[in-house]
Amino acid sequence: MAGMRVGVLGGTFDPIHLGHLILAQTAWEQLSLHRLLFVPAGQPWRKAERPITPGHHRLAMVRLALEGSPFEAWRGELERPGPSYTVDTLQQLRSELDTPKLFLVMGYDSLLDLPNWHRPHELVALATLAVAGRPSAGDEEALAQVMAQLPQLADRIVWLDMPLIGISSTMVRQRVQSGRSIRYLVPKAVEDYILEHVLYR
């Protein structure tokens, strides 16, 4: 539907954690979204430091985490062959959803890295960037460099007002590996799934 406002939140989600959900809820409320799609990466275009968990496990954890929420899991990148590029995902969603208004939800660190992404100029033309966090005192120069490389960003950024959440998927994996609790870092259903399937050991 042409007037639909759709948020897109991508990542490996290895595993999904409460920080992802807080970011999604923040975007949902502040952007008045009609839909918000969690998009687990199929084959990340950057070589990971470690093998990522198979897609069916990551998708299952996302679906468990989203139960009872208005958010949806979208498996397009898992089904698409080749490296997972965000620009391809946005093009596919615009086609499938009849050119909605897309918001690509991301953290501030991802914004600073955007010039290194695949076809960033096309990406910026396809979606408004909804960025969690704002530049701090030492970040102005880095942000200015990004804006110089992608000048069209000036009209394509919405800043999300969100508290800093100190949770990462790496932290969750490390805690599981060392036998420490991940309670209150991930939804209970995700914690149970990780333990049941002996992930991250």
N, C-alpha and C. Protein backbone atom coordinates (compact mmCIF):
# COMPACT_ATOMS: atom_id res chain seq x y z
N MET A 1 0.85 -1.19 0.00
CA MET A 1 0.00 0.00 0.00
C MET A 1 0.89 1.24 0.00
N ALA A 2 0.58 2.18 -0.86
CA ALA A 2 1.48 3.30 -1.09
C ALA A 2 1.73 4.14 0.15
N GLY A 3 0.75 4.31 1.01
CA GLY A 3 0.93 5.17 2.18
C GLY A 3 1.45 4.47 3.40
N MET A 4 1.74 3.19 3.28
CA MET A 4 2.15 2.41 4.45
C MET A 4 3.56 2.79 4.89
N ARG A 5 3.74 2.93 6.20
CA ARG A 5 5.04 3.24 6.79
C ARG A 5 5.60 1.95 7.39
N VAL A 6 6.70 1.48 6.81
CA VAL A 6 7.26 0.18 7.18
C VAL A 6 8.68 0.35 7.70
N GLY A 7 8.93 -0.14 8.90
CA GLY A 7 10.27 -0.15 9.46
C GLY A 7 10.98 -1.45 9.13
N VAL A 8 12.27 -1.36 8.87
CA VAL A 8 13.09 -2.53 8.52
C VAL A 8 14.27 -2.56 9.48
N LEU A 9 14.35 -3.63 10.25
CA LEU A 9 15.44 -3.78 11.23
C LEU A 9 16.19 -5.06 10.90
N GLY A 10 17.37 -4.91 10.32
CA GLY A 10 18.14 -6.07 9.89
C GLY A 10 19.28 -6.38 10.84
N GLY A 11 19.79 -7.59 10.73
CA GLY A 11 20.93 -8.01 11.55
C GLY A 11 21.08 -9.51 11.49
N THR A 12 22.17 -10.01 12.06
CA THR A 12 22.29 -11.47 12.13
C THR A 12 21.37 -12.03 13.20
N PHE A 13 21.07 -11.24 14.24
CA PHE A 13 20.22 -11.70 15.35
C PHE A 13 20.73 -13.05 15.86
N ASP A 14 21.97 -13.04 16.28
CA ASP A 14 22.67 -14.28 16.67
C ASP A 14 23.21 -14.18 18.10
N PRO A 15 22.30 -14.10 19.10
CA PRO A 15 20.84 -14.16 19.02
C PRO A 15 20.21 -12.77 19.11
N ILE A 16 18.91 -12.72 18.87
CA ILE A 16 18.13 -11.52 19.15
C ILE A 16 18.14 -11.28 20.65
N HIS A 17 18.16 -10.01 21.07
CA HIS A 17 18.17 -9.70 22.51
C HIS A 17 17.25 -8.52 22.79
N LEU A 18 17.13 -8.16 24.06
CA LEU A 18 16.18 -7.13 24.44
C LEU A 18 16.54 -5.76 23.87
N GLY A 19 17.81 -5.50 23.62
CA GLY A 19 18.18 -4.25 22.98
C GLY A 19 17.55 -4.09 21.61
N HIS A 20 17.49 -5.19 20.84
CA HIS A 20 16.83 -5.15 19.53
C HIS A 20 15.35 -4.80 19.69
N LEU A 21 14.71 -5.39 20.69
CA LEU A 21 13.28 -5.18 20.88
C LEU A 21 12.99 -3.76 21.36
N ILE A 22 13.84 -3.22 22.21
CA ILE A 22 13.66 -1.84 22.66
C ILE A 22 13.84 -0.88 21.48
N LEU A 23 14.81 -1.15 20.63
CA LEU A 23 15.01 -0.33 19.43
C LEU A 23 13.77 -0.40 18.53
N ALA A 24 13.24 -1.60 18.35
CA ALA A 24 12.05 -1.76 17.51
C ALA A 24 10.86 -1.00 18.09
N GLN A 25 10.65 -1.11 19.39
CA GLN A 25 9.52 -0.43 20.02
C GLN A 25 9.68 1.09 19.92
N THR A 26 10.91 1.56 20.09
CA THR A 26 11.18 3.00 19.96
C THR A 26 10.83 3.49 18.56
N ALA A 27 11.28 2.75 17.55
CA ALA A 27 10.99 3.13 16.16
C ALA A 27 9.49 3.06 15.88
N TRP A 28 8.85 2.02 16.37
CA TRP A 28 7.41 1.83 16.17
C TRP A 28 6.62 3.04 16.67
N GLU A 29 6.96 3.50 17.86
CA GLU A 29 6.22 4.60 18.47
C GLU A 29 6.58 5.94 17.84
N GLN A 30 7.87 6.20 17.69
CA GLN A 30 8.29 7.54 17.25
C GLN A 30 8.03 7.78 15.76
N LEU A 31 7.99 6.72 14.97
CA LEU A 31 7.79 6.87 13.53
C LEU A 31 6.36 6.57 13.10
N SER A 32 5.50 6.19 14.06
CA SER A 32 4.10 5.85 13.75
C SER A 32 4.03 4.82 12.63
N LEU A 33 4.76 3.72 12.81
CA LEU A 33 4.85 2.70 11.77
C LEU A 33 3.57 1.87 11.71
N HIS A 34 3.28 1.38 10.51
CA HIS A 34 2.19 0.43 10.32
C HIS A 34 2.70 -1.01 10.45
N ARG A 35 3.95 -1.23 10.04
CA ARG A 35 4.57 -2.55 10.16
C ARG A 35 6.04 -2.35 10.50
N LEU A 36 6.59 -3.32 11.22
CA LEU A 36 8.03 -3.33 11.47
C LEU A 36 8.53 -4.74 11.25
N LEU A 37 9.49 -4.87 10.34
CA LEU A 37 10.00 -6.18 9.94
C LEU A 37 11.40 -6.41 10.50
N PHE A 38 11.57 -7.51 11.22
CA PHE A 38 12.90 -7.98 11.60
C PHE A 38 13.42 -8.84 10.45
N VAL A 39 14.62 -8.52 9.98
CA VAL A 39 15.16 -9.19 8.79
C VAL A 39 16.47 -9.90 9.16
N PRO A 40 16.41 -11.19 9.49
CA PRO A 40 17.66 -11.92 9.76
C PRO A 40 18.49 -12.06 8.48
N ALA A 41 19.77 -11.75 8.58
CA ALA A 41 20.66 -11.84 7.42
C ALA A 41 20.82 -13.29 6.98
N GLY A 42 20.84 -13.49 5.67
CA GLY A 42 21.09 -14.83 5.15
C GLY A 42 22.58 -15.12 5.16
N GLN A 43 23.30 -14.48 4.24
CA GLN A 43 24.76 -14.58 4.17
C GLN A 43 25.33 -13.17 4.30
N PRO A 44 25.75 -12.77 5.50
CA PRO A 44 26.30 -11.42 5.66
C PRO A 44 27.42 -11.16 4.66
N TRP A 45 27.40 -9.98 4.03
CA TRP A 45 28.37 -9.69 2.97
C TRP A 45 29.75 -9.47 3.53
N ARG A 46 29.83 -9.17 4.81
CA ARG A 46 31.15 -9.07 5.44
C ARG A 46 31.47 -10.40 6.10
N LYS A 47 32.70 -10.83 5.94
CA LYS A 47 33.11 -12.10 6.54
C LYS A 47 33.10 -11.95 8.06
N ALA A 48 32.33 -12.81 8.70
CA ALA A 48 32.22 -12.75 10.15
C ALA A 48 33.48 -13.30 10.80
N GLU A 49 33.71 -12.86 12.04
CA GLU A 49 34.86 -13.37 12.78
C GLU A 49 34.67 -14.83 13.16
N ARG A 50 33.44 -15.28 13.16
CA ARG A 50 33.13 -16.66 13.50
C ARG A 50 31.96 -17.09 12.63
N PRO A 51 31.77 -18.39 12.45
CA PRO A 51 30.61 -18.84 11.67
C PRO A 51 29.33 -18.42 12.38
N ILE A 52 28.37 -17.92 11.61
CA ILE A 52 27.11 -17.55 12.26
C ILE A 52 26.23 -18.78 12.40
N THR A 53 25.33 -18.72 13.35
CA THR A 53 24.41 -19.82 13.62
C THR A 53 23.49 -20.01 12.41
N PRO A 54 23.16 -21.26 12.06
CA PRO A 54 22.29 -21.49 10.89
C PRO A 54 21.02 -20.64 10.94
N GLY A 55 20.58 -20.26 9.75
CA GLY A 55 19.46 -19.33 9.65
C GLY A 55 18.19 -19.81 10.29
N HIS A 56 17.92 -21.12 10.25
CA HIS A 56 16.65 -21.59 10.81
C HIS A 56 16.61 -21.39 12.32
N HIS A 57 17.75 -21.50 12.98
CA HIS A 57 17.79 -21.24 14.42
C HIS A 57 17.59 -19.75 14.70
N ARG A 58 18.26 -18.90 13.95
CA ARG A 58 18.15 -17.46 14.19
C ARG A 58 16.74 -16.97 13.90
N LEU A 59 16.13 -17.48 12.84
CA LEU A 59 14.75 -17.12 12.52
C LEU A 59 13.80 -17.60 13.62
N ALA A 60 14.01 -18.81 14.10
CA ALA A 60 13.15 -19.34 15.16
C ALA A 60 13.23 -18.48 16.41
N MET A 61 14.45 -18.02 16.77
CA MET A 61 14.59 -17.18 17.95
C MET A 61 13.92 -15.82 17.76
N VAL A 62 14.03 -15.27 16.55
CA VAL A 62 13.35 -14.00 16.27
C VAL A 62 11.84 -14.17 16.42
N ARG A 63 11.31 -15.23 15.85
CA ARG A 63 9.86 -15.45 15.94
C ARG A 63 9.41 -15.63 17.38
N LEU A 64 10.19 -16.34 18.18
CA LEU A 64 9.85 -16.50 19.59
C LEU A 64 9.87 -15.15 20.30
N ALA A 65 10.88 -14.34 20.00
CA ALA A 65 11.02 -13.04 20.66
C ALA A 65 9.88 -12.10 20.30
N LEU A 66 9.30 -12.26 19.11
CA LEU A 66 8.28 -11.33 18.64
C LEU A 66 6.87 -11.76 19.00
N GLU A 67 6.71 -12.92 19.61
CA GLU A 67 5.36 -13.37 19.97
C GLU A 67 4.70 -12.35 20.89
N GLY A 68 3.47 -12.01 20.56
CA GLY A 68 2.73 -11.05 21.38
C GLY A 68 3.03 -9.60 21.05
N SER A 69 3.92 -9.36 20.09
CA SER A 69 4.26 -7.99 19.68
C SER A 69 3.62 -7.71 18.32
N PRO A 70 3.59 -6.45 17.90
CA PRO A 70 3.08 -6.15 16.56
C PRO A 70 4.12 -6.35 15.46
N PHE A 71 5.33 -6.76 15.83
CA PHE A 71 6.42 -6.86 14.87
C PHE A 71 6.39 -8.21 14.15
N GLU A 72 7.06 -8.26 12.99
CA GLU A 72 7.05 -9.45 12.15
C GLU A 72 8.47 -9.88 11.79
N ALA A 73 8.64 -11.16 11.56
CA ALA A 73 9.90 -11.68 11.02
C ALA A 73 9.74 -11.83 9.51
N TRP A 74 10.72 -11.32 8.77
CA TRP A 74 10.71 -11.42 7.31
C TRP A 74 11.93 -12.23 6.89
N ARG A 75 11.68 -13.29 6.14
CA ARG A 75 12.75 -14.25 5.85
C ARG A 75 13.34 -14.10 4.45
N GLY A 76 13.10 -12.98 3.82
CA GLY A 76 13.55 -12.80 2.44
C GLY A 76 15.04 -12.97 2.24
N GLU A 77 15.86 -12.45 3.18
CA GLU A 77 17.32 -12.58 3.01
C GLU A 77 17.76 -14.02 3.21
N LEU A 78 17.06 -14.77 4.05
CA LEU A 78 17.42 -16.17 4.27
C LEU A 78 17.11 -17.01 3.03
N GLU A 79 16.14 -16.57 2.25
CA GLU A 79 15.73 -17.33 1.07
C GLU A 79 16.45 -16.89 -0.20
N ARG A 80 17.07 -15.72 -0.15
CA ARG A 80 17.72 -15.17 -1.35
C ARG A 80 19.15 -15.70 -1.46
N PRO A 81 19.54 -16.22 -2.62
CA PRO A 81 20.91 -16.73 -2.75
C PRO A 81 21.93 -15.60 -2.78
N GLY A 82 23.15 -15.92 -2.43
CA GLY A 82 24.23 -14.94 -2.48
C GLY A 82 24.29 -14.09 -1.23
N PRO A 83 25.24 -13.15 -1.19
CA PRO A 83 25.41 -12.29 -0.02
C PRO A 83 24.16 -11.45 0.24
N SER A 84 23.89 -11.19 1.52
CA SER A 84 22.73 -10.38 1.90
C SER A 84 23.11 -8.91 1.90
N TYR A 85 22.60 -8.18 0.93
CA TYR A 85 22.85 -6.74 0.84
C TYR A 85 21.56 -6.00 1.19
N THR A 86 21.67 -5.02 2.08
CA THR A 86 20.50 -4.27 2.52
C THR A 86 19.80 -3.59 1.35
N VAL A 87 20.56 -3.08 0.39
CA VAL A 87 19.95 -2.38 -0.73
C VAL A 87 19.05 -3.32 -1.53
N ASP A 88 19.44 -4.59 -1.67
CA ASP A 88 18.60 -5.57 -2.37
C ASP A 88 17.33 -5.84 -1.58
N THR A 89 17.46 -5.91 -0.27
CA THR A 89 16.30 -6.14 0.59
C THR A 89 15.30 -4.99 0.47
N LEU A 90 15.79 -3.76 0.49
CA LEU A 90 14.89 -2.61 0.38
C LEU A 90 14.19 -2.59 -0.98
N GLN A 91 14.93 -2.93 -2.04
CA GLN A 91 14.31 -2.97 -3.37
C GLN A 91 13.22 -4.05 -3.42
N GLN A 92 13.51 -5.21 -2.83
CA GLN A 92 12.54 -6.30 -2.82
C GLN A 92 11.30 -5.91 -2.03
N LEU A 93 11.49 -5.26 -0.89
CA LEU A 93 10.34 -4.87 -0.07
C LEU A 93 9.50 -3.80 -0.76
N ARG A 94 10.14 -2.85 -1.41
CA ARG A 94 9.38 -1.82 -2.14
C ARG A 94 8.52 -2.46 -3.22
N SER A 95 9.06 -3.50 -3.87
CA SER A 95 8.31 -4.19 -4.91
C SER A 95 7.17 -5.02 -4.31
N GLU A 96 7.48 -5.78 -3.28
CA GLU A 96 6.48 -6.68 -2.68
C GLU A 96 5.35 -5.91 -1.99
N LEU A 97 5.69 -4.79 -1.37
CA LEU A 97 4.72 -4.06 -0.56
C LEU A 97 4.14 -2.86 -1.29
N ASP A 98 4.34 -2.78 -2.60
CA ASP A 98 3.78 -1.70 -3.40
C ASP A 98 4.29 -0.33 -2.95
N THR A 99 5.60 -0.18 -3.03
CA THR A 99 6.32 1.07 -2.73
C THR A 99 5.84 1.77 -1.47
N PRO A 100 6.03 1.14 -0.31
CA PRO A 100 5.71 1.82 0.94
C PRO A 100 6.78 2.85 1.27
N LYS A 101 6.54 3.63 2.31
CA LYS A 101 7.59 4.50 2.84
C LYS A 101 8.42 3.67 3.79
N LEU A 102 9.66 3.41 3.42
CA LEU A 102 10.52 2.53 4.21
C LEU A 102 11.41 3.33 5.15
N PHE A 103 11.56 2.80 6.35
CA PHE A 103 12.48 3.35 7.34
C PHE A 103 13.48 2.26 7.71
N LEU A 104 14.75 2.49 7.44
CA LEU A 104 15.78 1.53 7.81
C LEU A 104 16.26 1.88 9.21
N VAL A 105 15.96 1.01 10.17
CA VAL A 105 16.27 1.27 11.57
C VAL A 105 17.67 0.76 11.87
N MET A 106 18.51 1.61 12.45
CA MET A 106 19.90 1.22 12.68
C MET A 106 20.48 1.96 13.87
N GLY A 107 21.60 1.49 14.35
CA GLY A 107 22.34 2.17 15.40
C GLY A 107 23.27 3.21 14.80
N TYR A 108 23.76 4.09 15.65
CA TYR A 108 24.62 5.19 15.19
C TYR A 108 25.92 4.66 14.58
N ASP A 109 26.44 3.55 15.12
CA ASP A 109 27.67 2.98 14.58
C ASP A 109 27.48 2.52 13.14
N SER A 110 26.29 2.00 12.84
CA SER A 110 26.01 1.58 11.46
C SER A 110 25.94 2.78 10.52
N LEU A 111 25.39 3.89 11.00
CA LEU A 111 25.35 5.09 10.18
C LEU A 111 26.75 5.55 9.80
N LEU A 112 27.66 5.53 10.76
CA LEU A 112 29.03 5.97 10.47
C LEU A 112 29.73 5.05 9.47
N ASP A 113 29.29 3.80 9.41
CA ASP A 113 29.90 2.82 8.50
C ASP A 113 29.21 2.78 7.14
N LEU A 114 28.13 3.53 6.98
CA LEU A 114 27.29 3.42 5.79
C LEU A 114 28.04 3.60 4.46
N PRO A 115 29.01 4.51 4.35
CA PRO A 115 29.72 4.63 3.06
C PRO A 115 30.41 3.35 2.61
N ASN A 116 30.68 2.44 3.54
CA ASN A 116 31.34 1.18 3.19
C ASN A 116 30.35 0.09 2.80
N TRP A 117 29.06 0.36 2.91
CA TRP A 117 28.06 -0.63 2.56
C TRP A 117 27.97 -0.76 1.04
N HIS A 118 27.27 -1.81 0.60
CA HIS A 118 27.08 -2.08 -0.82
C HIS A 118 26.09 -1.08 -1.42
N ARG A 119 26.52 -0.35 -2.45
CA ARG A 119 25.68 0.63 -3.16
C ARG A 119 24.96 1.58 -2.21
N PRO A 120 25.71 2.31 -1.39
CA PRO A 120 25.08 3.15 -0.37
C PRO A 120 24.22 4.28 -0.93
N HIS A 121 24.59 4.83 -2.09
CA HIS A 121 23.78 5.92 -2.67
C HIS A 121 22.38 5.43 -3.03
N GLU A 122 22.31 4.21 -3.60
CA GLU A 122 21.00 3.63 -3.92
C GLU A 122 20.22 3.35 -2.65
N LEU A 123 20.91 2.85 -1.64
CA LEU A 123 20.26 2.51 -0.37
C LEU A 123 19.59 3.74 0.23
N VAL A 124 20.32 4.84 0.26
CA VAL A 124 19.79 6.07 0.86
C VAL A 124 18.58 6.58 0.08
N ALA A 125 18.54 6.33 -1.22
CA ALA A 125 17.40 6.76 -2.03
C ALA A 125 16.16 5.92 -1.77
N LEU A 126 16.35 4.72 -1.23
CA LEU A 126 15.24 3.80 -1.05
C LEU A 126 14.55 3.93 0.30
N ALA A 127 15.23 4.47 1.30
CA ALA A 127 14.65 4.48 2.65
C ALA A 127 15.14 5.68 3.44
N THR A 128 14.31 6.11 4.37
CA THR A 128 14.74 7.07 5.38
C THR A 128 15.48 6.29 6.45
N LEU A 129 16.59 6.82 6.95
CA LEU A 129 17.35 6.14 7.98
C LEU A 129 16.86 6.60 9.35
N ALA A 130 16.42 5.66 10.16
CA ALA A 130 15.99 5.94 11.53
C ALA A 130 17.11 5.49 12.45
N VAL A 131 17.82 6.44 13.01
CA VAL A 131 19.08 6.16 13.70
C VAL A 131 18.91 6.33 15.20
N ALA A 132 19.28 5.30 15.95
CA ALA A 132 19.22 5.34 17.41
C ALA A 132 20.47 6.02 17.94
N GLY A 133 20.29 7.00 18.78
CA GLY A 133 21.42 7.72 19.34
C GLY A 133 21.77 8.92 18.49
N ARG A 134 22.45 9.86 19.09
CA ARG A 134 22.88 11.06 18.39
C ARG A 134 24.38 11.22 18.55
N PRO A 135 25.01 11.97 17.66
CA PRO A 135 26.46 12.15 17.78
C PRO A 135 26.83 12.81 19.10
N SER A 136 27.84 12.26 19.74
CA SER A 136 28.35 12.86 20.97
C SER A 136 29.44 13.87 20.61
N ALA A 137 30.02 14.46 21.63
CA ALA A 137 30.96 15.56 21.41
C ALA A 137 32.10 15.18 20.47
N GLY A 138 32.58 13.94 20.54
CA GLY A 138 33.73 13.56 19.72
C GLY A 138 33.39 13.02 18.36
N ASP A 139 32.08 12.96 18.03
CA ASP A 139 31.66 12.27 16.81
C ASP A 139 31.38 13.19 15.63
N GLU A 140 31.39 14.49 15.85
CA GLU A 140 30.96 15.39 14.78
C GLU A 140 31.80 15.23 13.51
N GLU A 141 33.09 15.04 13.68
CA GLU A 141 33.97 14.92 12.51
C GLU A 141 33.65 13.66 11.72
N ALA A 142 33.44 12.54 12.43
CA ALA A 142 33.12 11.29 11.75
C ALA A 142 31.80 11.42 11.00
N LEU A 143 30.81 12.03 11.64
CA LEU A 143 29.52 12.21 10.98
C LEU A 143 29.65 13.14 9.77
N ALA A 144 30.44 14.18 9.90
CA ALA A 144 30.65 15.11 8.79
C ALA A 144 31.27 14.41 7.59
N GLN A 145 32.17 13.47 7.84
CA GLN A 145 32.79 12.72 6.75
C GLN A 145 31.76 11.86 6.02
N VAL A 146 30.86 11.24 6.80
CA VAL A 146 29.80 10.44 6.19
C VAL A 146 28.90 11.32 5.33
N MET A 147 28.52 12.48 5.86
CA MET A 147 27.63 13.38 5.13
C MET A 147 28.30 13.92 3.86
N ALA A 148 29.62 14.09 3.92
CA ALA A 148 30.34 14.56 2.73
C ALA A 148 30.33 13.50 1.63
N GLN A 149 30.42 12.22 2.03
CA GLN A 149 30.42 11.13 1.06
C GLN A 149 29.02 10.83 0.55
N LEU A 150 28.01 11.05 1.39
CA LEU A 150 26.62 10.77 1.03
C LEU A 150 25.78 12.01 1.31
N PRO A 151 25.93 13.06 0.51
CA PRO A 151 25.26 14.33 0.82
C PRO A 151 23.74 14.25 0.87
N GLN A 152 23.17 13.26 0.16
CA GLN A 152 21.71 13.14 0.17
C GLN A 152 21.18 12.70 1.53
N LEU A 153 22.08 12.27 2.42
CA LEU A 153 21.67 11.87 3.77
C LEU A 153 21.04 13.01 4.55
N ALA A 154 21.39 14.23 4.21
CA ALA A 154 20.94 15.39 4.99
C ALA A 154 19.42 15.40 5.18
N ASP A 155 18.69 14.95 4.16
CA ASP A 155 17.22 14.94 4.24
C ASP A 155 16.66 13.55 4.49
N ARG A 156 17.54 12.59 4.83
CA ARG A 156 17.09 11.19 4.91
C ARG A 156 17.35 10.57 6.27
N ILE A 157 17.60 11.37 7.30
CA ILE A 157 17.86 10.83 8.63
C ILE A 157 16.80 11.32 9.60
N VAL A 158 16.27 10.39 10.38
CA VAL A 158 15.42 10.69 11.53
C VAL A 158 16.15 10.15 12.76
N TRP A 159 16.32 10.98 13.76
CA TRP A 159 17.01 10.55 14.98
C TRP A 159 16.00 10.00 15.97
N LEU A 160 16.25 8.79 16.46
CA LEU A 160 15.38 8.16 17.45
C LEU A 160 15.86 8.51 18.85
N ASP A 161 14.94 8.89 19.70
CA ASP A 161 15.26 9.22 21.09
C ASP A 161 15.19 7.93 21.90
N MET A 162 16.34 7.35 22.15
CA MET A 162 16.38 6.02 22.78
C MET A 162 17.51 5.96 23.79
N PRO A 163 17.26 5.36 24.96
CA PRO A 163 18.34 5.22 25.94
C PRO A 163 19.41 4.26 25.44
N LEU A 164 20.63 4.45 25.91
CA LEU A 164 21.73 3.56 25.55
C LEU A 164 21.53 2.21 26.22
N ILE A 165 21.49 1.15 25.42
CA ILE A 165 21.28 -0.20 25.94
C ILE A 165 22.58 -0.98 25.77
N GLY A 166 23.19 -1.36 26.87
CA GLY A 166 24.50 -2.01 26.81
C GLY A 166 24.42 -3.52 26.67
N ILE A 167 23.66 -3.99 25.70
CA ILE A 167 23.54 -5.43 25.44
C ILE A 167 23.96 -5.67 24.00
N SER A 168 24.71 -6.73 23.78
CA SER A 168 25.07 -7.12 22.41
C SER A 168 24.93 -8.62 22.27
N SER A 169 24.76 -9.06 21.03
CA SER A 169 24.69 -10.51 20.77
C SER A 169 26.00 -11.18 21.17
N THR A 170 27.11 -10.50 20.95
CA THR A 170 28.41 -11.06 21.35
C THR A 170 28.44 -11.32 22.85
N MET A 171 27.96 -10.37 23.63
CA MET A 171 27.91 -10.54 25.08
C MET A 171 27.06 -11.75 25.47
N VAL A 172 25.91 -11.89 24.82
CA VAL A 172 25.03 -13.02 25.13
C VAL A 172 25.73 -14.33 24.82
N ARG A 173 26.35 -14.42 23.65
CA ARG A 173 27.05 -15.66 23.28
C ARG A 173 28.17 -15.99 24.26
N GLN A 174 28.92 -14.98 24.64
CA GLN A 174 30.03 -15.20 25.57
C GLN A 174 29.54 -15.66 26.93
N ARG A 175 28.43 -15.11 27.37
CA ARG A 175 27.88 -15.53 28.67
C ARG A 175 27.40 -16.97 28.61
N VAL A 176 26.77 -17.35 27.52
CA VAL A 176 26.33 -18.74 27.38
C VAL A 176 27.55 -19.66 27.36
N GLN A 177 28.57 -19.28 26.61
CA GLN A 177 29.76 -20.12 26.48
C GLN A 177 30.45 -20.33 27.82
N SER A 178 30.41 -19.31 28.66
CA SER A 178 31.08 -19.42 29.96
C SER A 178 30.15 -19.89 31.08
N GLY A 179 28.93 -20.28 30.71
CA GLY A 179 28.01 -20.84 31.69
C GLY A 179 27.32 -19.82 32.57
N ARG A 180 27.34 -18.55 32.18
CA ARG A 180 26.67 -17.51 32.97
C ARG A 180 25.24 -17.28 32.48
N SER A 181 24.43 -16.71 33.33
CA SER A 181 23.02 -16.49 33.02
C SER A 181 22.85 -15.42 31.95
N ILE A 182 21.84 -15.61 31.10
CA ILE A 182 21.45 -14.57 30.14
C ILE A 182 20.03 -14.10 30.43
N ARG A 183 19.53 -14.43 31.59
CA ARG A 183 18.20 -13.97 31.98
C ARG A 183 18.17 -12.44 31.99
N TYR A 184 17.08 -11.88 31.49
CA TYR A 184 16.86 -10.43 31.39
C TYR A 184 17.70 -9.77 30.29
N LEU A 185 18.49 -10.56 29.56
CA LEU A 185 19.20 -10.04 28.39
C LEU A 185 18.47 -10.42 27.10
N VAL A 186 17.81 -11.57 27.14
CA VAL A 186 17.01 -12.05 26.01
C VAL A 186 15.64 -12.45 26.54
N PRO A 187 14.62 -12.51 25.68
CA PRO A 187 13.33 -13.01 26.15
C PRO A 187 13.45 -14.44 26.68
N LYS A 188 12.60 -14.79 27.62
CA LYS A 188 12.67 -16.11 28.25
C LYS A 188 12.57 -17.22 27.20
N ALA A 189 11.69 -17.05 26.21
CA ALA A 189 11.54 -18.08 25.19
C ALA A 189 12.82 -18.27 24.38
N VAL A 190 13.56 -17.19 24.16
CA VAL A 190 14.83 -17.29 23.45
C VAL A 190 15.88 -17.97 24.32
N GLU A 191 15.91 -17.62 25.60
CA GLU A 191 16.83 -18.29 26.52
C GLU A 191 16.57 -19.80 26.53
N ASP A 192 15.31 -20.19 26.60
CA ASP A 192 14.96 -21.61 26.62
C ASP A 192 15.39 -22.29 25.32
N TYR A 193 15.21 -21.61 24.19
CA TYR A 193 15.58 -22.17 22.89
C TYR A 193 17.08 -22.39 22.81
N ILE A 194 17.85 -21.42 23.28
CA ILE A 194 19.31 -21.53 23.25
C ILE A 194 19.77 -22.73 24.07
N LEU A 195 19.18 -22.89 25.24
CA LEU A 195 19.57 -24.01 26.11
C LEU A 195 19.12 -25.34 25.51
N GLU A 196 17.90 -25.37 24.97
CA GLU A 196 17.37 -26.62 24.41
C GLU A 196 18.19 -27.10 23.22
N HIS A 197 18.66 -26.17 22.40
CA HIS A 197 19.39 -26.54 21.18
C HIS A 197 20.91 -26.44 21.35
N VAL A 198 21.33 -26.22 22.56
CA VAL A 198 22.76 -26.18 22.91
C VAL A 198 23.52 -25.24 21.97
N LEU A 199 23.01 -24.04 21.81
CA LEU A 199 23.67 -23.05 20.96
C LEU A 199 24.74 -22.31 21.74
N TYR A 200 25.77 -21.88 21.04
CA TYR A 200 26.85 -21.02 21.58
C TYR A 200 27.73 -21.73 22.61
N ARG A 201 27.75 -23.03 22.58
CA ARG A 201 28.61 -23.77 23.51
C ARG A 201 29.95 -24.06 22.86
